[in-house]
Amino acid sequence: MAEKKATKTSGATAAVATEKKAVAVKKPAAKKTSKPTWGIDAESVGFRAGDVYQALSSAGKALTVAQIAKASEKSEEEVLLGIGWLFKEGKIKGEGQLVTLA
């Protein structure tokens, strides 16, 4: 049988080896996504469009998506669905980062 040779390591080398094992690589945290409580169908998106239109009408001025979401008490995703519907119908227009009634 083959004999194993004993290798002698210095204390410093052993400490470096231990340190290398102790260093853990942290992965970036995954972005949490929540599932919407509303459905994506023509009726639901139409209601979101109505909420967006009412928020813009009440404000009487151009608003950002975040401002529309706050005014309509909807999420930004819901607001974007409604904006898409209203753009398709030609009822709103964009002014840079703002949305206003057409």
PDB file of N, CA and C in Angstrom:
ATOM      1  N   MET A   1       0.821  -1.174   0.000  1.00  0.00           N
ATOM      2  CA  MET A   1       0.000   0.000   0.000  1.00  0.00           C
ATOM      3  C   MET A   1       0.866   1.238   0.000  1.00  0.00           C
ATOM      4  N   ALA A   2       0.314   2.260  -0.591  1.00  0.00           N
ATOM      5  CA  ALA A   2       1.068   3.511  -0.696  1.00  0.00           C
ATOM      6  C   ALA A   2       0.964   4.268   0.608  1.00  0.00           C
ATOM      7  N   GLU A   3       2.079   4.821   1.006  1.00  0.00           N
ATOM      8  CA  GLU A   3       2.089   5.626   2.226  1.00  0.00           C
ATOM      9  C   GLU A   3       1.775   7.075   1.888  1.00  0.00           C
ATOM     10  N   LYS A   4       1.044   7.704   2.758  1.00  0.00           N
ATOM     11  CA  LYS A   4       0.749   9.126   2.585  1.00  0.00           C
ATOM     12  C   LYS A   4       1.838   9.923   3.253  1.00  0.00           C
ATOM     13  N   LYS A   5       2.328  10.908   2.547  1.00  0.00           N
ATOM     14  CA  LYS A   5       3.351  11.764   3.128  1.00  0.00           C
ATOM     15  C   LYS A   5       2.686  12.868   3.937  1.00  0.00           C
ATOM     16  N   ALA A   6       3.163  13.085   5.081  1.00  0.00           N
ATOM     17  CA  ALA A   6       2.647  14.149   5.928  1.00  0.00           C
ATOM     18  C   ALA A   6       3.279  15.458   5.493  1.00  0.00           C
ATOM     19  N   THR A   7       2.449  16.465   5.308  1.00  0.00           N
ATOM     20  CA  THR A   7       2.976  17.773   4.945  1.00  0.00           C
ATOM     21  C   THR A   7       2.835  18.695   6.138  1.00  0.00           C
ATOM     22  N   LYS A   8       3.820  19.479   6.316  1.00  0.00           N
ATOM     23  CA  LYS A   8       3.822  20.380   7.450  1.00  0.00           C
ATOM     24  C   LYS A   8       3.480  21.781   6.944  1.00  0.00           C
ATOM     25  N   THR A   9       2.468  22.401   7.540  1.00  0.00           N
ATOM     26  CA  THR A   9       2.105  23.767   7.169  1.00  0.00           C
ATOM     27  C   THR A   9       2.402  24.679   8.341  1.00  0.00           C
ATOM     28  N   SER A  10       2.789  25.847   7.996  1.00  0.00           N
ATOM     29  CA  SER A  10       3.058  26.809   9.063  1.00  0.00           C
ATOM     30  C   SER A  10       1.738  27.350   9.585  1.00  0.00           C
ATOM     31  N   GLY A  11       1.757  27.942  10.726  1.00  0.00           N
ATOM     32  CA  GLY A  11       0.558  28.516  11.333  1.00  0.00           C
ATOM     33  C   GLY A  11      -0.027  29.627  10.487  1.00  0.00           C
ATOM     34  N   ALA A  12       0.817  30.418   9.814  1.00  0.00           N
ATOM     35  CA  ALA A  12       0.345  31.531   8.988  1.00  0.00           C
ATOM     36  C   ALA A  12      -0.406  31.000   7.778  1.00  0.00           C
ATOM     37  N   THR A  13       0.096  29.947   7.178  1.00  0.00           N
ATOM     38  CA  THR A  13      -0.566  29.378   6.006  1.00  0.00           C
ATOM     39  C   THR A  13      -1.916  28.802   6.396  1.00  0.00           C
ATOM     40  N   ALA A  14      -1.989  28.157   7.526  1.00  0.00           N
ATOM     41  CA  ALA A  14      -3.249  27.589   7.995  1.00  0.00           C
ATOM     42  C   ALA A  14      -4.254  28.697   8.274  1.00  0.00           C
ATOM     43  N   ALA A  15      -3.797  29.825   8.832  1.00  0.00           N
ATOM     44  CA  ALA A  15      -4.699  30.942   9.124  1.00  0.00           C
ATOM     45  C   ALA A  15      -5.255  31.540   7.840  1.00  0.00           C
ATOM     46  N   VAL A  16      -4.431  31.657   6.798  1.00  0.00           N
ATOM     47  CA  VAL A  16      -4.889  32.195   5.519  1.00  0.00           C
ATOM     48  C   VAL A  16      -5.914  31.261   4.904  1.00  0.00           C
ATOM     49  N   ALA A  17      -5.653  29.971   4.997  1.00  0.00           N
ATOM     50  CA  ALA A  17      -6.599  28.997   4.445  1.00  0.00           C
ATOM     51  C   ALA A  17      -7.931  29.088   5.163  1.00  0.00           C
ATOM     52  N   THR A  18      -7.895  29.271   6.474  1.00  0.00           N
ATOM     53  CA  THR A  18      -9.117  29.406   7.256  1.00  0.00           C
ATOM     54  C   THR A  18      -9.861  30.674   6.870  1.00  0.00           C
ATOM     55  N   GLU A  19      -9.136  31.771   6.658  1.00  0.00           N
ATOM     56  CA  GLU A  19      -9.773  33.028   6.279  1.00  0.00           C
ATOM     57  C   GLU A  19     -10.461  32.905   4.931  1.00  0.00           C
ATOM     58  N   LYS A  20      -9.835  32.223   4.009  1.00  0.00           N
ATOM     59  CA  LYS A  20     -10.433  32.068   2.687  1.00  0.00           C
ATOM     60  C   LYS A  20     -11.739  31.312   2.756  1.00  0.00           C
ATOM     61  N   LYS A  21     -11.807  30.350   3.633  1.00  0.00           N
ATOM     62  CA  LYS A  21     -13.042  29.587   3.779  1.00  0.00           C
ATOM     63  C   LYS A  21     -14.135  30.426   4.428  1.00  0.00           C
ATOM     64  N   ALA A  22     -13.759  31.338   5.307  1.00  0.00           N
ATOM     65  CA  ALA A  22     -14.732  32.128   6.046  1.00  0.00           C
ATOM     66  C   ALA A  22     -15.376  33.212   5.186  1.00  0.00           C
ATOM     67  N   VAL A  23     -14.721  33.615   4.106  1.00  0.00           N
ATOM     68  CA  VAL A  23     -15.266  34.668   3.263  1.00  0.00           C
ATOM     69  C   VAL A  23     -16.371  34.083   2.401  1.00  0.00           C
ATOM     70  N   ALA A  24     -17.549  34.608   2.535  1.00  0.00           N
ATOM     71  CA  ALA A  24     -18.694  34.140   1.750  1.00  0.00           C
ATOM     72  C   ALA A  24     -19.073  35.212   0.734  1.00  0.00           C
ATOM     73  N   VAL A  25     -19.437  34.780  -0.418  1.00  0.00           N
ATOM     74  CA  VAL A  25     -19.859  35.702  -1.464  1.00  0.00           C
ATOM     75  C   VAL A  25     -21.360  35.900  -1.331  1.00  0.00           C
ATOM     76  N   LYS A  26     -21.753  37.148  -1.160  1.00  0.00           N
ATOM     77  CA  LYS A  26     -23.172  37.453  -1.025  1.00  0.00           C
ATOM     78  C   LYS A  26     -23.767  37.705  -2.397  1.00  0.00           C
ATOM     79  N   LYS A  27     -24.863  37.040  -2.662  1.00  0.00           N
ATOM     80  CA  LYS A  27     -25.580  37.252  -3.915  1.00  0.00           C
ATOM     81  C   LYS A  27     -26.548  38.406  -3.711  1.00  0.00           C
ATOM     82  N   PRO A  28     -26.809  39.187  -4.762  1.00  0.00           N
ATOM     83  CA  PRO A  28     -27.770  40.270  -4.610  1.00  0.00           C
ATOM     84  C   PRO A  28     -29.156  39.693  -4.297  1.00  0.00           C
ATOM     85  N   ALA A  29     -29.852  40.392  -3.445  1.00  0.00           N
ATOM     86  CA  ALA A  29     -31.183  39.943  -3.058  1.00  0.00           C
ATOM     87  C   ALA A  29     -32.115  39.996  -4.262  1.00  0.00           C
ATOM     88  N   ALA A  30     -32.911  38.971  -4.399  1.00  0.00           N
ATOM     89  CA  ALA A  30     -33.866  38.927  -5.500  1.00  0.00           C
ATOM     90  C   ALA A  30     -34.970  39.942  -5.241  1.00  0.00           C
ATOM     91  N   LYS A  31     -35.396  40.605  -6.302  1.00  0.00           N
ATOM     92  CA  LYS A  31     -36.458  41.598  -6.183  1.00  0.00           C
ATOM     93  C   LYS A  31     -37.763  40.874  -5.900  1.00  0.00           C
ATOM     94  N   LYS A  32     -38.418  41.292  -4.847  1.00  0.00           N
ATOM     95  CA  LYS A  32     -39.681  40.668  -4.483  1.00  0.00           C
ATOM     96  C   LYS A  32     -40.785  41.203  -5.382  1.00  0.00           C
ATOM     97  N   THR A  33     -41.524  40.305  -5.942  1.00  0.00           N
ATOM     98  CA  THR A  33     -42.660  40.709  -6.761  1.00  0.00           C
ATOM     99  C   THR A  33     -43.914  40.153  -6.117  1.00  0.00           C
ATOM    100  N   SER A  34     -44.900  40.974  -6.049  1.00  0.00           N
ATOM    101  CA  SER A  34     -46.163  40.519  -5.494  1.00  0.00           C
ATOM    102  C   SER A  34     -47.153  40.329  -6.629  1.00  0.00           C
ATOM    103  N   LYS A  35     -47.985  39.376  -6.456  1.00  0.00           N
ATOM    104  CA  LYS A  35     -48.977  39.099  -7.479  1.00  0.00           C
ATOM    105  C   LYS A  35     -50.120  40.104  -7.325  1.00  0.00           C
ATOM    106  N   PRO A  36     -50.612  40.624  -8.439  1.00  0.00           N
ATOM    107  CA  PRO A  36     -51.718  41.582  -8.340  1.00  0.00           C
ATOM    108  C   PRO A  36     -52.986  40.903  -7.834  1.00  0.00           C
ATOM    109  N   THR A  37     -53.800  41.665  -7.140  1.00  0.00           N
ATOM    110  CA  THR A  37     -55.071  41.146  -6.646  1.00  0.00           C
ATOM    111  C   THR A  37     -56.178  41.384  -7.655  1.00  0.00           C
ATOM    112  N   TRP A  38     -55.843  41.970  -8.779  1.00  0.00           N
ATOM    113  CA  TRP A  38     -56.803  42.279  -9.830  1.00  0.00           C
ATOM    114  C   TRP A  38     -56.432  41.497 -11.073  1.00  0.00           C
ATOM    115  N   GLY A  39     -57.408  41.261 -11.922  1.00  0.00           N
ATOM    116  CA  GLY A  39     -57.159  40.491 -13.131  1.00  0.00           C
ATOM    117  C   GLY A  39     -56.798  41.378 -14.305  1.00  0.00           C
ATOM    118  N   ILE A  40     -56.130  40.790 -15.277  1.00  0.00           N
ATOM    119  CA  ILE A  40     -55.794  41.525 -16.489  1.00  0.00           C
ATOM    120  C   ILE A  40     -56.730  41.046 -17.585  1.00  0.00           C
ATOM    121  N   ASP A  41     -57.837  41.732 -17.694  1.00  0.00           N
ATOM    122  CA  ASP A  41     -58.809  41.489 -18.754  1.00  0.00           C
ATOM    123  C   ASP A  41     -59.378  42.839 -19.170  1.00  0.00           C
ATOM    124  N   ALA A  42     -60.153  42.852 -20.247  1.00  0.00           N
ATOM    125  CA  ALA A  42     -60.635  44.121 -20.798  1.00  0.00           C
ATOM    126  C   ALA A  42     -61.452  44.915 -19.779  1.00  0.00           C
ATOM    127  N   GLU A  43     -62.276  44.256 -19.010  1.00  0.00           N
ATOM    128  CA  GLU A  43     -63.112  44.960 -18.045  1.00  0.00           C
ATOM    129  C   GLU A  43     -62.260  45.586 -16.941  1.00  0.00           C
ATOM    130  N   SER A  44     -61.317  44.827 -16.395  1.00  0.00           N
ATOM    131  CA  SER A  44     -60.467  45.321 -15.318  1.00  0.00           C
ATOM    132  C   SER A  44     -59.593  46.486 -15.786  1.00  0.00           C
ATOM    133  N   VAL A  45     -58.983  46.341 -16.966  1.00  0.00           N
ATOM    134  CA  VAL A  45     -58.130  47.408 -17.495  1.00  0.00           C
ATOM    135  C   VAL A  45     -58.974  48.633 -17.827  1.00  0.00           C
ATOM    136  N   GLY A  46     -60.190  48.424 -18.290  1.00  0.00           N
ATOM    137  CA  GLY A  46     -61.089  49.543 -18.560  1.00  0.00           C
ATOM    138  C   GLY A  46     -61.416  50.336 -17.310  1.00  0.00           C
ATOM    139  N   PHE A  47     -61.610  49.623 -16.197  1.00  0.00           N
ATOM    140  CA  PHE A  47     -61.858  50.312 -14.931  1.00  0.00           C
ATOM    141  C   PHE A  47     -60.633  51.118 -14.501  1.00  0.00           C
ATOM    142  N   ARG A  48     -59.440  50.571 -14.707  1.00  0.00           N
ATOM    143  CA  ARG A  48     -58.207  51.297 -14.372  1.00  0.00           C
ATOM    144  C   ARG A  48     -58.092  52.553 -15.221  1.00  0.00           C
ATOM    145  N   ALA A  49     -58.475  52.449 -16.486  1.00  0.00           N
ATOM    146  CA  ALA A  49     -58.455  53.611 -17.376  1.00  0.00           C
ATOM    147  C   ALA A  49     -59.399  54.691 -16.859  1.00  0.00           C
ATOM    148  N   GLY A  50     -60.558  54.286 -16.396  1.00  0.00           N
ATOM    149  CA  GLY A  50     -61.516  55.245 -15.827  1.00  0.00           C
ATOM    150  C   GLY A  50     -60.957  55.938 -14.601  1.00  0.00           C
ATOM    151  N   ASP A  51     -60.263  55.180 -13.754  1.00  0.00           N
ATOM    152  CA  ASP A  51     -59.653  55.767 -12.560  1.00  0.00           C
ATOM    153  C   ASP A  51     -58.575  56.790 -12.931  1.00  0.00           C
ATOM    154  N   VAL A  52     -57.769  56.454 -13.935  1.00  0.00           N
ATOM    155  CA  VAL A  52     -56.720  57.368 -14.395  1.00  0.00           C
ATOM    156  C   VAL A  52     -57.346  58.627 -14.975  1.00  0.00           C
ATOM    157  N   TYR A  53     -58.367  58.463 -15.799  1.00  0.00           N
ATOM    158  CA  TYR A  53     -59.030  59.611 -16.424  1.00  0.00           C
ATOM    159  C   TYR A  53     -59.614  60.535 -15.352  1.00  0.00           C
ATOM    160  N   GLN A  54     -60.275  59.954 -14.357  1.00  0.00           N
ATOM    161  CA  GLN A  54     -60.871  60.758 -13.283  1.00  0.00           C
ATOM    162  C   GLN A  54     -59.798  61.505 -12.480  1.00  0.00           C
ATOM    163  N   ALA A  55     -58.665  60.863 -12.231  1.00  0.00           N
ATOM    164  CA  ALA A  55     -57.582  61.518 -11.487  1.00  0.00           C
ATOM    165  C   ALA A  55     -57.035  62.703 -12.276  1.00  0.00           C
ATOM    166  N   LEU A  56     -56.840  62.515 -13.580  1.00  0.00           N
ATOM    167  CA  LEU A  56     -56.336  63.612 -14.417  1.00  0.00           C
ATOM    168  C   LEU A  56     -57.367  64.730 -14.530  1.00  0.00           C
ATOM    169  N   SER A  57     -58.622  64.363 -14.663  1.00  0.00           N
ATOM    170  CA  SER A  57     -59.683  65.349 -14.778  1.00  0.00           C
ATOM    171  C   SER A  57     -59.805  66.175 -13.497  1.00  0.00           C
ATOM    172  N   SER A  58     -59.732  65.504 -12.357  1.00  0.00           N
ATOM    173  CA  SER A  58     -59.830  66.199 -11.068  1.00  0.00           C
ATOM    174  C   SER A  58     -58.649  67.139 -10.835  1.00  0.00           C
ATOM    175  N   ALA A  59     -57.460  66.710 -11.246  1.00  0.00           N
ATOM    176  CA  ALA A  59     -56.267  67.534 -11.047  1.00  0.00           C
ATOM    177  C   ALA A  59     -56.280  68.756 -11.954  1.00  0.00           C
ATOM    178  N   GLY A  60     -56.791  68.606 -13.156  1.00  0.00           N
ATOM    179  CA  GLY A  60     -56.837  69.721 -14.091  1.00  0.00           C
ATOM    180  C   GLY A  60     -55.481  70.128 -14.635  1.00  0.00           C
ATOM    181  N   LYS A  61     -54.482  69.284 -14.454  1.00  0.00           N
ATOM    182  CA  LYS A  61     -53.143  69.577 -14.955  1.00  0.00           C
ATOM    183  C   LYS A  61     -52.439  68.255 -15.258  1.00  0.00           C
ATOM    184  N   ALA A  62     -51.280  68.353 -15.877  1.00  0.00           N
ATOM    185  CA  ALA A  62     -50.489  67.168 -16.192  1.00  0.00           C
ATOM    186  C   ALA A  62     -49.889  66.589 -14.913  1.00  0.00           C
ATOM    187  N   LEU A  63     -49.867  65.257 -14.823  1.00  0.00           N
ATOM    188  CA  LEU A  63     -49.340  64.571 -13.650  1.00  0.00           C
ATOM    189  C   LEU A  63     -48.355  63.481 -14.058  1.00  0.00           C
ATOM    190  N   THR A  64     -47.489  63.107 -13.134  1.00  0.00           N
ATOM    191  CA  THR A  64     -46.614  61.963 -13.353  1.00  0.00           C
ATOM    192  C   THR A  64     -47.384  60.686 -13.031  1.00  0.00           C
ATOM    193  N   VAL A  65     -46.810  59.561 -13.402  1.00  0.00           N
ATOM    194  CA  VAL A  65     -47.446  58.270 -13.102  1.00  0.00           C
ATOM    195  C   VAL A  65     -47.595  58.107 -11.592  1.00  0.00           C
ATOM    196  N   ALA A  66     -46.575  58.487 -10.837  1.00  0.00           N
ATOM    197  CA  ALA A  66     -46.631  58.369  -9.376  1.00  0.00           C
ATOM    198  C   ALA A  66     -47.735  59.262  -8.796  1.00  0.00           C
ATOM    199  N   GLN A  67     -47.887  60.465  -9.333  1.00  0.00           N
ATOM    200  CA  GLN A  67     -48.940  61.364  -8.847  1.00  0.00           C
ATOM    201  C   GLN A  67     -50.327  60.817  -9.178  1.00  0.00           C
ATOM    202  N   ILE A  68     -50.462  60.238 -10.361  1.00  0.00           N
ATOM    203  CA  ILE A  68     -51.752  59.642 -10.739  1.00  0.00           C
ATOM    204  C   ILE A  68     -52.060  58.470  -9.820  1.00  0.00           C
ATOM    205  N   ALA A  69     -51.042  57.648  -9.531  1.00  0.00           N
ATOM    206  CA  ALA A  69     -51.238  56.493  -8.648  1.00  0.00           C
ATOM    207  C   ALA A  69     -51.699  56.946  -7.267  1.00  0.00           C
ATOM    208  N   LYS A  70     -51.092  58.002  -6.759  1.00  0.00           N
ATOM    209  CA  LYS A  70     -51.469  58.515  -5.442  1.00  0.00           C
ATOM    210  C   LYS A  70     -52.884  59.084  -5.465  1.00  0.00           C
ATOM    211  N   ALA A  71     -53.209  59.852  -6.493  1.00  0.00           N
ATOM    212  CA  ALA A  71     -54.527  60.477  -6.580  1.00  0.00           C
ATOM    213  C   ALA A  71     -55.635  59.448  -6.771  1.00  0.00           C
ATOM    214  N   SER A  72     -55.345  58.383  -7.510  1.00  0.00           N
ATOM    215  CA  SER A  72     -56.370  57.379  -7.794  1.00  0.00           C
ATOM    216  C   SER A  72     -56.355  56.221  -6.807  1.00  0.00           C
ATOM    217  N   GLU A  73     -55.366  56.223  -5.899  1.00  0.00           N
ATOM    218  CA  GLU A  73     -55.201  55.151  -4.915  1.00  0.00           C
ATOM    219  C   GLU A  73     -55.037  53.791  -5.591  1.00  0.00           C
ATOM    220  N   LYS A  74     -54.276  53.780  -6.689  1.00  0.00           N
ATOM    221  CA  LYS A  74     -53.970  52.562  -7.445  1.00  0.00           C
ATOM    222  C   LYS A  74     -52.459  52.378  -7.472  1.00  0.00           C
ATOM    223  N   SER A  75     -52.013  51.186  -7.806  1.00  0.00           N
ATOM    224  CA  SER A  75     -50.579  50.951  -7.949  1.00  0.00           C
ATOM    225  C   SER A  75     -50.103  51.551  -9.271  1.00  0.00           C
ATOM    226  N   GLU A  76     -48.794  51.753  -9.385  1.00  0.00           N
ATOM    227  CA  GLU A  76     -48.246  52.303 -10.625  1.00  0.00           C
ATOM    228  C   GLU A  76     -48.497  51.360 -11.797  1.00  0.00           C
ATOM    229  N   GLU A  77     -48.501  50.041 -11.548  1.00  0.00           N
ATOM    230  CA  GLU A  77     -48.781  49.077 -12.611  1.00  0.00           C
ATOM    231  C   GLU A  77     -50.204  49.242 -13.134  1.00  0.00           C
ATOM    232  N   GLU A  78     -51.155  49.436 -12.218  1.00  0.00           N
ATOM    233  CA  GLU A  78     -52.538  49.646 -12.623  1.00  0.00           C
ATOM    234  C   GLU A  78     -52.679  50.941 -13.420  1.00  0.00           C
ATOM    235  N   VAL A  79     -51.983  51.983 -12.972  1.00  0.00           N
ATOM    236  CA  VAL A  79     -52.023  53.272 -13.664  1.00  0.00           C
ATOM    237  C   VAL A  79     -51.470  53.120 -15.077  1.00  0.00           C
ATOM    238  N   LEU A  80     -50.372  52.391 -15.221  1.00  0.00           N
ATOM    239  CA  LEU A  80     -49.789  52.202 -16.554  1.00  0.00           C
ATOM    240  C   LEU A  80     -50.724  51.436 -17.481  1.00  0.00           C
ATOM    241  N   LEU A  81     -51.447  50.462 -16.949  1.00  0.00           N
ATOM    242  CA  LEU A  81     -52.445  49.762 -17.771  1.00  0.00           C
ATOM    243  C   LEU A  81     -53.519  50.741 -18.249  1.00  0.00           C
ATOM    244  N   GLY A  82     -54.008  51.559 -17.328  1.00  0.00           N
ATOM    245  CA  GLY A  82     -55.033  52.538 -17.678  1.00  0.00           C
ATOM    246  C   GLY A  82     -54.526  53.569 -18.671  1.00  0.00           C
ATOM    247  N   ILE A  83     -53.281  54.004 -18.511  1.00  0.00           N
ATOM    248  CA  ILE A  83     -52.687  54.968 -19.441  1.00  0.00           C
ATOM    249  C   ILE A  83     -52.610  54.369 -20.839  1.00  0.00           C
ATOM    250  N   GLY A  84     -52.218  53.113 -20.921  1.00  0.00           N
ATOM    251  CA  GLY A  84     -52.141  52.449 -22.227  1.00  0.00           C
ATOM    252  C   GLY A  84     -53.496  52.433 -22.928  1.00  0.00           C
ATOM    253  N   TRP A  85     -54.518  52.123 -22.182  1.00  0.00           N
ATOM    254  CA  TRP A  85     -55.885  52.096 -22.723  1.00  0.00           C
ATOM    255  C   TRP A  85     -56.277  53.483 -23.233  1.00  0.00           C
ATOM    256  N   LEU A  86     -56.031  54.503 -22.399  1.00  0.00           N
ATOM    257  CA  LEU A  86     -56.409  55.867 -22.765  1.00  0.00           C
ATOM    258  C   LEU A  86     -55.583  56.409 -23.928  1.00  0.00           C
ATOM    259  N   PHE A  87     -54.312  56.043 -24.019  1.00  0.00           N
ATOM    260  CA  PHE A  87     -53.498  56.436 -25.175  1.00  0.00           C
ATOM    261  C   PHE A  87     -54.078  55.836 -26.450  1.00  0.00           C
ATOM    262  N   LYS A  88     -54.443  54.589 -26.375  1.00  0.00           N
ATOM    263  CA  LYS A  88     -55.003  53.912 -27.547  1.00  0.00           C
ATOM    264  C   LYS A  88     -56.286  54.602 -28.011  1.00  0.00           C
ATOM    265  N   GLU A  89     -57.079  55.077 -27.080  1.00  0.00           N
ATOM    266  CA  GLU A  89     -58.324  55.773 -27.413  1.00  0.00           C
ATOM    267  C   GLU A  89     -58.094  57.237 -27.780  1.00  0.00           C
ATOM    268  N   GLY A  90     -56.881  57.754 -27.601  1.00  0.00           N
ATOM    269  CA  GLY A  90     -56.587  59.150 -27.923  1.00  0.00           C
ATOM    270  C   GLY A  90     -57.117  60.141 -26.908  1.00  0.00           C
ATOM    271  N   LYS A  91     -57.363  59.701 -25.677  1.00  0.00           N
ATOM    272  CA  LYS A  91     -57.931  60.579 -24.657  1.00  0.00           C
ATOM    273  C   LYS A  91     -56.888  61.289 -23.806  1.00  0.00           C
ATOM    274  N   ILE A  92     -55.642  60.817 -23.867  1.00  0.00           N
ATOM    275  CA  ILE A  92     -54.566  61.467 -23.123  1.00  0.00           C
ATOM    276  C   ILE A  92     -53.361  61.641 -24.034  1.00  0.00           C
ATOM    277  N   LYS A  93     -52.444  62.474 -23.584  1.00  0.00           N
ATOM    278  CA  LYS A  93     -51.197  62.652 -24.324  1.00  0.00           C
ATOM    279  C   LYS A  93     -50.062  62.821 -23.320  1.00  0.00           C
ATOM    280  N   GLY A  94     -48.867  62.573 -23.801  1.00  0.00           N
ATOM    281  CA  GLY A  94     -47.688  62.698 -22.963  1.00  0.00           C
ATOM    282  C   GLY A  94     -47.014  64.020 -23.166  1.00  0.00           C
ATOM    283  N   GLU A  95     -46.493  64.582 -22.096  1.00  0.00           N
ATOM    284  CA  GLU A  95     -45.705  65.815 -22.136  1.00  0.00           C
ATOM    285  C   GLU A  95     -44.430  65.536 -21.348  1.00  0.00           C
ATOM    286  N   GLY A  96     -43.444  64.943 -22.004  1.00  0.00           N
ATOM    287  CA  GLY A  96     -42.217  64.549 -21.309  1.00  0.00           C
ATOM    288  C   GLY A  96     -42.531  63.392 -20.374  1.00  0.00           C
ATOM    289  N   GLN A  97     -42.323  63.591 -19.088  1.00  0.00           N
ATOM    290  CA  GLN A  97     -42.612  62.569 -18.083  1.00  0.00           C
ATOM    291  C   GLN A  97     -44.029  62.724 -17.494  1.00  0.00           C
ATOM    292  N   LEU A  98     -44.801  63.657 -18.029  1.00  0.00           N
ATOM    293  CA  LEU A  98     -46.142  63.933 -17.513  1.00  0.00           C
ATOM    294  C   LEU A  98     -47.200  63.424 -18.473  1.00  0.00           C
ATOM    295  N   VAL A  99     -48.369  63.151 -17.926  1.00  0.00           N
ATOM    296  CA  VAL A  99     -49.517  62.710 -18.709  1.00  0.00           C
ATOM    297  C   VAL A  99     -50.636  63.719 -18.481  1.00  0.00           C
ATOM    298  N   THR A 100     -51.315  64.106 -19.566  1.00  0.00           N
ATOM    299  CA  THR A 100     -52.413  65.053 -19.450  1.00  0.00           C
ATOM    300  C   THR A 100     -53.547  64.642 -20.376  1.00  0.00           C
ATOM    301  N   LEU A 101     -54.722  65.182 -20.137  1.00  0.00           N
ATOM    302  CA  LEU A 101     -55.849  64.903 -21.014  1.00  0.00           C
ATOM    303  C   LEU A 101     -55.612  65.529 -22.378  1.00  0.00           C
ATOM    304  N   ALA A 102     -56.042  64.832 -23.422  1.00  0.00           N
ATOM    305  CA  ALA A 102     -55.852  65.330 -24.789  1.00  0.00           C
ATOM    306  C   ALA A 102     -56.886  66.382 -25.136  1.00  0.00           C
TER     307      ALA A 102
END
